[in-house]
Amino acid sequence: MSSLPLVFDAPRRERPPRHLADLDPGERAAVAADLGVPRFRLDQLARHYFGRFTADVSQMTDLSADVRDKVGALLPALVTPITEKACDGGATRKTLWRGHDGTLAESVLMRYPDRATVCISSQAGCGMACPFCATGQGGLQRNLSTGEIVDQVRQAAAAARDGLLDEPTRLSNVVFMGMGEPLANYKRVVAAVRRITSPAPDGLGISARGVTVSTVGLVPAIERLREEGIPVTLAISLHTPDDELRDTLVPVNNRWKVDEVLDAGRRYATTTGRRLSIEYALIRDVNDQPWRADLLGKLLRQRVGTSRVHVNLIPLNPTPGSEWDASPKPVEEEFVRRVRAAGVACTVRDTRGQEIDAACGQLAASHPGG
């Protein structure tokens, strides 16, 4: 189904400029010394950035002009919005970002009745080569830096606060389900998660329970994440319960099989106390057969446990030139019924952003001027 190779190591490119969000609290002290300013000045800078979502030093009037000149270099424009599209009555907003080197990535901000969620990218492109995903078919350009990841969230939080989702709201959820395989950019993603979940002035103060990190199943990285002590939700993009199909549908399965991935997911859920999310894009006549629903329910019950897992069924979102389509509604309903019959919680994801290519699997970061 896919002729692209798996790519775990991103191409080496020029590193983005150093950013405040790249620094942990200990590193901030060393940088303050390098800049010749007291440590508390960087804490003030951080309060503006993380607490007030401000990256314009000219607005930081509690800092003197000479201090602003020195610390302003820590707030370079890492990700600049190039285009923005809205749909769903203004409740869904997709942003195309350009990095310092022209690299493109996308994020999607969504308002729901009870929450506001941003879906962010951790890489420009993706090296996992899943044939049904526009991002995967575009290949991997490079990893995003910690600062580039965090700044997507910071700008989303400001947009939500300022009413760009039709009404002011607070950003409460962050999902690493945009472009890229988060666990293939492990070090920077974990650092970004720490900035996102730490309280100001060390981070954005979003609850770890509101953060989800997805993966196609990089087992060693799942084990590392389990030991980090950050109780974020882990989402595994399974898409089929049998190795024969998954070897082609999710090529990383050639390295770590379904049983290995689910066992790692169970250990993660047991250690963190967070319920494992199983992502399953339902594709007409490919992975939507009743026997696959039965097998999925059986495997999750046996290898993870019904109290520790939830299946998030995703109607396939169309992409240009794709040979596949979403399953018919009756097929989807029967699939849900069979998974639930095994005692496993199963819901269908609310499809958002299709008309602006902002739904799962559609992010391709295309831009005529890019």
Protein backbone atom coordinates (compact mmCIF):
# COMPACT_ATOMS: atom_id res chain seq x y z
CA MET A 1 0.00 0.00 0.00
CA SER A 2 2.91 2.36 0.67
CA SER A 3 6.23 2.58 -1.16
CA LEU A 4 7.76 5.14 1.17
CA PRO A 5 10.46 3.98 3.60
CA LEU A 6 10.15 4.32 7.36
CA VAL A 7 12.24 7.22 8.65
CA PHE A 8 13.02 7.34 12.38
CA ASP A 9 15.89 9.83 12.29
CA ALA A 10 14.95 13.23 10.91
CA PRO A 11 17.21 14.90 8.34
CA ARG A 12 19.69 17.28 9.94
CA ARG A 13 18.82 20.90 9.28
CA GLU A 14 19.86 24.27 10.64
CA ARG A 15 18.69 24.49 14.24
CA PRO A 16 16.02 27.06 15.06
CA PRO A 17 17.16 30.03 17.18
CA ARG A 18 17.28 29.41 20.93
CA HIS A 19 13.96 30.26 22.54
CA LEU A 20 12.81 30.79 26.11
CA ALA A 21 10.58 27.70 25.77
CA ASP A 22 13.65 25.58 25.00
CA LEU A 23 15.00 26.28 28.49
CA ASP A 24 14.11 24.49 31.69
CA PRO A 25 14.25 26.55 34.93
CA GLY A 26 17.83 25.50 35.66
CA GLU A 27 18.98 26.44 32.16
CA ARG A 28 17.31 29.84 32.50
CA ALA A 29 19.67 30.68 35.37
CA ALA A 30 22.73 29.94 33.23
CA VAL A 31 21.36 31.94 30.29
CA ALA A 32 20.61 34.90 32.57
CA ALA A 33 24.25 34.90 33.61
CA ASP A 34 25.35 34.77 29.96
CA LEU A 35 23.12 37.75 29.15
CA GLY A 36 24.33 39.70 32.16
CA VAL A 37 20.88 40.09 33.73
CA PRO A 38 19.58 38.91 37.12
CA ARG A 39 17.79 35.55 37.10
CA PHE A 40 14.51 37.13 38.19
CA ARG A 41 14.42 39.11 34.94
CA LEU A 42 14.10 35.88 32.98
CA ASP A 43 11.38 34.80 35.39
CA GLN A 44 9.57 38.04 34.55
CA LEU A 45 10.00 37.31 30.86
CA ALA A 46 8.65 33.82 31.41
CA ARG A 47 5.60 35.14 33.27
CA HIS A 48 4.72 37.27 30.27
CA TYR A 49 5.27 34.44 27.80
CA PHE A 50 3.71 31.52 29.67
CA GLY A 51 1.26 33.38 31.88
CA ARG A 52 0.02 36.15 29.60
CA PHE A 53 0.81 34.47 26.24
CA THR A 54 2.81 37.54 25.21
CA ALA A 55 5.92 37.31 23.01
CA ASP A 56 6.27 41.03 22.25
CA VAL A 57 8.90 42.44 24.60
CA SER A 58 7.79 46.00 23.82
CA GLN A 59 4.64 45.28 25.85
CA MET A 60 6.62 44.16 28.90
CA THR A 61 6.78 47.52 30.59
CA ASP A 62 7.96 46.09 33.91
CA LEU A 63 11.30 45.47 32.18
CA SER A 64 13.58 48.40 31.48
CA ALA A 65 14.53 49.15 27.89
CA ASP A 66 18.09 47.87 28.31
CA VAL A 67 16.84 44.60 29.84
CA ARG A 68 14.28 44.19 27.05
CA ASP A 69 17.09 44.60 24.52
CA LYS A 70 19.06 41.81 26.19
CA VAL A 71 16.28 39.28 26.82
CA GLY A 72 14.32 39.94 23.63
CA ALA A 73 16.63 37.59 21.75
CA LEU A 74 15.05 34.72 23.71
CA LEU A 75 11.70 35.31 21.99
CA PRO A 76 12.49 34.91 18.27
CA ALA A 77 9.57 34.36 15.88
CA LEU A 78 9.87 30.59 15.60
CA VAL A 79 6.52 29.75 13.99
CA THR A 80 4.80 32.49 12.01
CA PRO A 81 1.19 32.06 10.83
CA ILE A 82 1.01 32.08 7.02
CA THR A 83 -2.61 31.17 6.41
CA GLU A 84 -5.58 30.58 8.67
CA LYS A 85 -8.85 28.90 7.73
CA ALA A 86 -12.00 28.51 9.81
CA CYS A 87 -15.09 26.33 9.57
CA ASP A 88 -17.76 24.77 11.81
CA GLY A 89 -19.22 28.21 12.45
CA GLY A 90 -15.84 29.54 13.55
CA ALA A 91 -15.31 26.79 16.13
CA THR A 92 -12.51 25.09 14.13
CA ARG A 93 -9.45 27.02 13.01
CA LYS A 94 -6.46 25.62 11.11
CA THR A 95 -3.17 27.51 11.03
CA LEU A 96 -0.32 26.94 8.62
CA TRP A 97 2.99 27.86 10.28
CA ARG A 98 6.28 28.76 8.66
CA GLY A 99 9.48 28.11 10.57
CA HIS A 100 12.64 30.19 10.50
CA ASP A 101 13.94 28.10 7.59
CA GLY A 102 10.72 28.06 5.58
CA THR A 103 9.63 24.67 6.90
CA LEU A 104 5.84 24.31 7.06
CA ALA A 105 3.67 22.67 9.71
CA GLU A 106 0.04 22.89 10.77
CA SER A 107 -2.07 22.98 13.91
CA VAL A 108 -5.84 22.93 14.47
CA LEU A 109 -7.67 24.77 17.25
CA MET A 110 -11.18 23.56 18.14
CA ARG A 111 -13.86 24.79 20.52
CA TYR A 112 -16.34 22.33 22.00
CA PRO A 113 -19.14 23.04 24.49
CA ASP A 114 -17.01 21.88 27.42
CA ARG A 115 -13.44 22.52 26.30
CA ALA A 116 -11.03 24.03 23.79
CA THR A 117 -8.44 21.75 22.21
CA VAL A 118 -5.42 22.38 20.02
CA CYS A 119 -3.99 19.62 17.84
CA ILE A 120 -0.31 20.40 17.34
CA SER A 121 2.54 19.14 15.17
CA SER A 122 5.77 17.72 16.54
CA GLN A 123 7.53 17.29 13.19
CA ALA A 124 7.37 18.91 9.79
CA GLY A 125 5.95 16.01 7.84
CA CYS A 126 6.15 12.43 9.10
CA GLY A 127 8.42 9.47 8.48
CA MET A 128 5.99 6.70 9.43
CA ALA A 129 4.70 6.27 5.84
CA CYS A 130 1.11 5.27 6.66
CA PRO A 131 -0.49 5.10 3.19
CA PHE A 132 -3.91 6.48 4.16
CA CYS A 133 -2.51 9.65 5.80
CA ALA A 134 -1.64 12.75 3.79
CA THR A 135 1.06 13.72 6.29
CA GLY A 136 2.70 10.31 6.16
CA GLN A 137 2.71 10.29 2.37
CA GLY A 138 4.47 13.65 2.32
CA GLY A 139 7.58 12.32 4.04
CA LEU A 140 9.61 13.84 6.86
CA GLN A 141 11.31 17.22 6.51
CA ARG A 142 12.65 17.71 10.05
CA ASN A 143 11.91 17.59 13.76
CA LEU A 144 10.38 20.65 15.37
CA SER A 145 12.22 22.16 18.31
CA THR A 146 10.78 22.31 21.81
CA GLY A 147 10.20 26.03 21.33
CA GLU A 148 8.40 25.51 18.01
CA ILE A 149 6.09 22.95 19.59
CA VAL A 150 5.34 25.03 22.68
CA ASP A 151 4.78 28.21 20.69
CA GLN A 152 1.98 26.54 18.72
CA VAL A 153 0.24 26.00 22.07
CA ARG A 154 1.02 29.48 23.36
CA GLN A 155 -0.43 31.11 20.26
CA ALA A 156 -3.47 28.82 20.38
CA ALA A 157 -4.08 29.76 24.02
CA ALA A 158 -3.92 33.45 23.11
CA ALA A 159 -6.30 32.95 20.16
CA ALA A 160 -8.81 31.08 22.33
CA ARG A 161 -8.63 33.75 25.03
CA ASP A 162 -9.05 36.55 22.51
CA GLY A 163 -12.23 35.08 21.02
CA LEU A 164 -10.91 33.83 17.67
CA LEU A 165 -13.07 30.72 18.06
CA ASP A 166 -16.17 32.90 17.85
CA GLU A 167 -16.19 33.49 21.60
CA PRO A 168 -13.49 33.81 24.30
CA THR A 169 -12.55 30.56 25.99
CA ARG A 170 -9.66 28.94 27.84
CA LEU A 171 -7.43 26.40 26.16
CA SER A 172 -7.77 23.23 28.22
CA ASN A 173 -6.54 20.36 26.04
CA VAL A 174 -3.47 19.71 23.89
CA VAL A 175 -3.19 16.71 21.60
CA PHE A 176 0.02 15.69 19.83
CA MET A 177 -1.90 14.40 16.82
CA GLY A 178 -0.92 16.88 14.16
CA MET A 179 1.94 16.35 11.76
CA GLY A 180 4.62 13.87 12.78
CA GLU A 181 5.22 10.91 15.08
CA PRO A 182 5.74 12.54 18.50
CA LEU A 183 7.79 9.70 19.96
CA ALA A 184 10.23 9.86 17.03
CA ASN A 185 11.08 13.37 18.29
CA TYR A 186 11.17 12.11 21.85
CA LYS A 187 13.48 14.49 23.70
CA ARG A 188 11.89 17.67 22.35
CA VAL A 189 8.33 16.41 22.75
CA VAL A 190 8.86 15.44 26.39
CA ALA A 191 10.48 18.81 27.08
CA ALA A 192 7.50 20.50 25.41
CA VAL A 193 5.07 18.47 27.51
CA ARG A 194 6.88 19.65 30.65
CA ARG A 195 6.60 23.30 29.53
CA ILE A 196 2.94 22.85 28.66
CA THR A 197 2.04 21.26 31.99
CA SER A 198 4.28 23.20 34.40
CA PRO A 199 2.67 26.18 36.15
CA ALA A 200 3.83 29.70 35.24
CA PRO A 201 6.49 30.99 35.21
CA ASP A 202 7.87 27.61 34.17
CA GLY A 203 5.09 26.64 31.76
CA LEU A 204 1.58 27.14 30.46
CA GLY A 205 -0.11 25.41 33.39
CA ILE A 206 -2.33 23.04 31.39
CA SER A 207 -3.21 19.91 33.35
CA ALA A 208 -1.34 16.78 32.30
CA ARG A 209 -4.75 15.09 32.24
CA GLY A 210 -5.62 17.41 29.35
CA VAL A 211 -2.59 16.40 27.28
CA THR A 212 -2.58 13.45 24.87
CA VAL A 213 0.52 12.09 23.11
CA SER A 214 -0.08 9.83 20.14
CA THR A 215 2.14 7.19 18.60
CA VAL A 216 1.93 4.54 15.89
CA GLY A 217 3.62 2.18 18.35
CA LEU A 218 7.29 2.92 19.01
CA VAL A 219 7.58 0.47 21.88
CA PRO A 220 10.94 1.54 23.38
CA ALA A 221 9.78 5.17 23.43
CA ILE A 222 6.49 4.19 25.09
CA GLU A 223 8.52 2.52 27.82
CA ARG A 224 10.65 5.66 28.25
CA LEU A 225 7.56 7.84 28.44
CA ARG A 226 6.11 5.56 31.12
CA GLU A 227 9.12 6.31 33.31
CA GLU A 228 8.96 10.11 32.87
CA GLY A 229 6.39 10.58 35.63
CA ILE A 230 4.11 12.77 33.51
CA PRO A 231 0.56 11.30 33.54
CA VAL A 232 -0.46 12.34 30.03
CA THR A 233 -2.85 10.18 28.04
CA LEU A 234 -1.19 7.83 25.57
CA ALA A 235 -3.01 7.29 22.27
CA ILE A 236 -1.92 4.38 20.09
CA SER A 237 -2.81 4.59 16.40
CA LEU A 238 -3.60 0.91 15.90
CA HIS A 239 -6.00 0.97 12.92
CA THR A 240 -6.28 -2.81 12.72
CA PRO A 241 -5.85 -5.64 15.26
CA ASP A 242 -4.11 -8.14 12.94
CA ASP A 243 -0.44 -8.06 12.03
CA GLU A 244 -0.99 -9.09 8.41
CA LEU A 245 -2.88 -5.91 7.51
CA ARG A 246 -1.07 -3.64 9.97
CA ASP A 247 2.29 -4.49 8.38
CA THR A 248 1.14 -2.47 5.36
CA LEU A 249 -1.42 -0.07 6.88
CA VAL A 250 0.98 1.03 9.66
CA PRO A 251 4.46 0.05 8.40
CA VAL A 252 6.12 0.39 11.82
CA ASN A 253 4.31 -2.87 12.63
CA ASN A 254 7.08 -4.64 10.77
CA ARG A 255 9.31 -3.72 13.71
CA TRP A 256 6.90 -3.94 16.68
CA LYS A 257 3.88 -6.23 16.33
CA VAL A 258 0.36 -5.62 17.65
CA ASP A 259 0.85 -7.71 20.81
CA GLU A 260 4.08 -5.88 21.70
CA VAL A 261 2.45 -2.49 21.21
CA LEU A 262 -0.60 -3.36 23.30
CA ASP A 263 1.54 -4.84 26.07
CA ALA A 264 3.56 -1.61 26.22
CA GLY A 265 0.29 0.32 26.29
CA ARG A 266 -0.97 -1.77 29.19
CA ARG A 267 2.20 -1.13 31.18
CA TYR A 268 1.87 2.59 30.48
CA ALA A 269 -1.76 2.64 31.65
CA THR A 270 -0.95 0.63 34.78
CA THR A 271 1.96 2.88 35.76
CA THR A 272 0.31 6.23 35.07
CA GLY A 273 -3.28 5.40 35.97
CA ARG A 274 -4.35 6.94 32.66
CA ARG A 275 -6.69 5.02 30.39
CA LEU A 276 -5.11 4.00 27.09
CA SER A 277 -6.71 5.42 23.95
CA ILE A 278 -6.77 3.24 20.83
CA GLU A 279 -7.13 5.27 17.63
CA TYR A 280 -8.78 3.38 14.78
CA ALA A 281 -9.39 5.05 11.40
CA LEU A 282 -12.28 3.09 9.87
CA ILE A 283 -11.65 2.50 6.15
CA ARG A 284 -14.29 1.06 3.83
CA ASP A 285 -13.61 -2.59 2.92
CA VAL A 286 -10.09 -2.42 4.39
CA ASN A 287 -10.27 -2.68 8.19
CA ASP A 288 -14.00 -2.44 8.95
CA GLN A 289 -14.98 -6.12 8.82
CA PRO A 290 -17.04 -7.52 11.71
CA TRP A 291 -14.38 -10.13 12.50
CA ARG A 292 -11.80 -7.38 12.95
CA ALA A 293 -14.10 -5.62 15.41
CA ASP A 294 -14.44 -8.89 17.32
CA LEU A 295 -10.68 -9.46 17.30
CA LEU A 296 -10.01 -5.90 18.42
CA GLY A 297 -12.37 -6.24 21.38
CA LYS A 298 -10.89 -9.62 22.33
CA LEU A 299 -7.27 -8.44 22.15
CA LEU A 300 -7.92 -5.29 24.18
CA ARG A 301 -9.82 -7.23 26.83
CA GLN A 302 -7.08 -9.84 27.13
CA ARG A 303 -3.92 -7.76 26.75
CA VAL A 304 -4.91 -4.40 28.25
CA GLY A 305 -8.05 -4.88 30.34
CA THR A 306 -11.46 -3.33 29.77
CA SER A 307 -11.07 -0.77 32.55
CA ARG A 308 -7.79 0.57 31.12
CA VAL A 309 -8.68 1.16 27.47
CA HIS A 310 -10.99 3.13 25.22
CA VAL A 311 -11.38 2.82 21.44
CA ASN A 312 -11.63 6.09 19.53
CA LEU A 313 -13.13 5.23 16.15
CA ILE A 314 -12.30 7.77 13.42
CA PRO A 315 -14.28 7.81 10.16
CA LEU A 316 -11.60 8.05 7.48
CA ASN A 317 -11.14 11.59 6.28
CA PRO A 318 -10.67 11.96 2.51
CA THR A 319 -7.37 13.17 1.09
CA PRO A 320 -6.60 14.22 -2.50
CA GLY A 321 -5.98 11.25 -4.76
CA SER A 322 -6.76 8.69 -2.08
CA GLU A 323 -8.22 5.37 -3.19
CA TRP A 324 -9.99 4.87 0.14
CA ASP A 325 -13.09 6.23 1.79
CA ALA A 326 -14.91 6.14 5.12
CA SER A 327 -17.02 3.10 5.98
CA PRO A 328 -20.81 3.41 5.55
CA LYS A 329 -22.67 4.42 8.68
CA PRO A 330 -24.31 0.98 9.22
CA VAL A 331 -20.88 -0.68 9.04
CA GLU A 332 -19.49 1.83 11.53
CA GLU A 333 -22.38 1.25 13.92
CA GLU A 334 -21.95 -2.52 13.76
CA PHE A 335 -18.22 -2.17 14.42
CA VAL A 336 -18.92 -0.09 17.51
CA ARG A 337 -21.54 -2.57 18.70
CA ARG A 338 -19.16 -5.52 18.42
CA VAL A 339 -16.30 -3.78 20.25
CA ARG A 340 -18.64 -2.78 23.04
CA ALA A 341 -19.98 -6.34 23.19
CA ALA A 342 -16.46 -7.37 24.26
CA GLY A 343 -16.78 -5.00 27.23
CA VAL A 344 -14.50 -2.34 25.71
CA ALA A 345 -15.58 1.32 25.64
CA CYS A 346 -15.86 2.57 22.07
CA THR A 347 -16.96 5.94 20.70
CA VAL A 348 -16.88 7.61 17.28
CA ARG A 349 -14.81 10.78 17.06
CA ASP A 350 -16.67 13.94 16.12
CA THR A 351 -15.38 14.77 12.65
CA ARG A 352 -14.25 18.38 12.57
CA GLY A 353 -12.55 20.48 9.93
CA GLN A 354 -12.97 18.29 6.84
CA GLU A 355 -13.88 21.19 4.59
CA ILE A 356 -10.59 22.97 5.35
CA ASP A 357 -8.48 19.76 5.33
CA ALA A 358 -8.02 20.05 9.09
CA ALA A 359 -9.27 16.62 10.12
CA CYS A 360 -7.19 13.61 11.18
CA GLY A 361 -4.94 12.40 8.38
CA GLN A 362 -5.49 15.48 6.23
CA LEU A 363 -2.68 17.77 7.42
CA ALA A 364 -0.23 18.23 4.56
CA ALA A 365 1.04 21.82 5.08
CA SER A 366 0.59 22.77 1.44
CA HIS A 367 0.83 26.44 0.49
CA PRO A 368 1.04 27.95 -2.99
CA GLY A 369 3.68 30.40 -1.85
CA GLY A 370 5.62 27.92 0.27
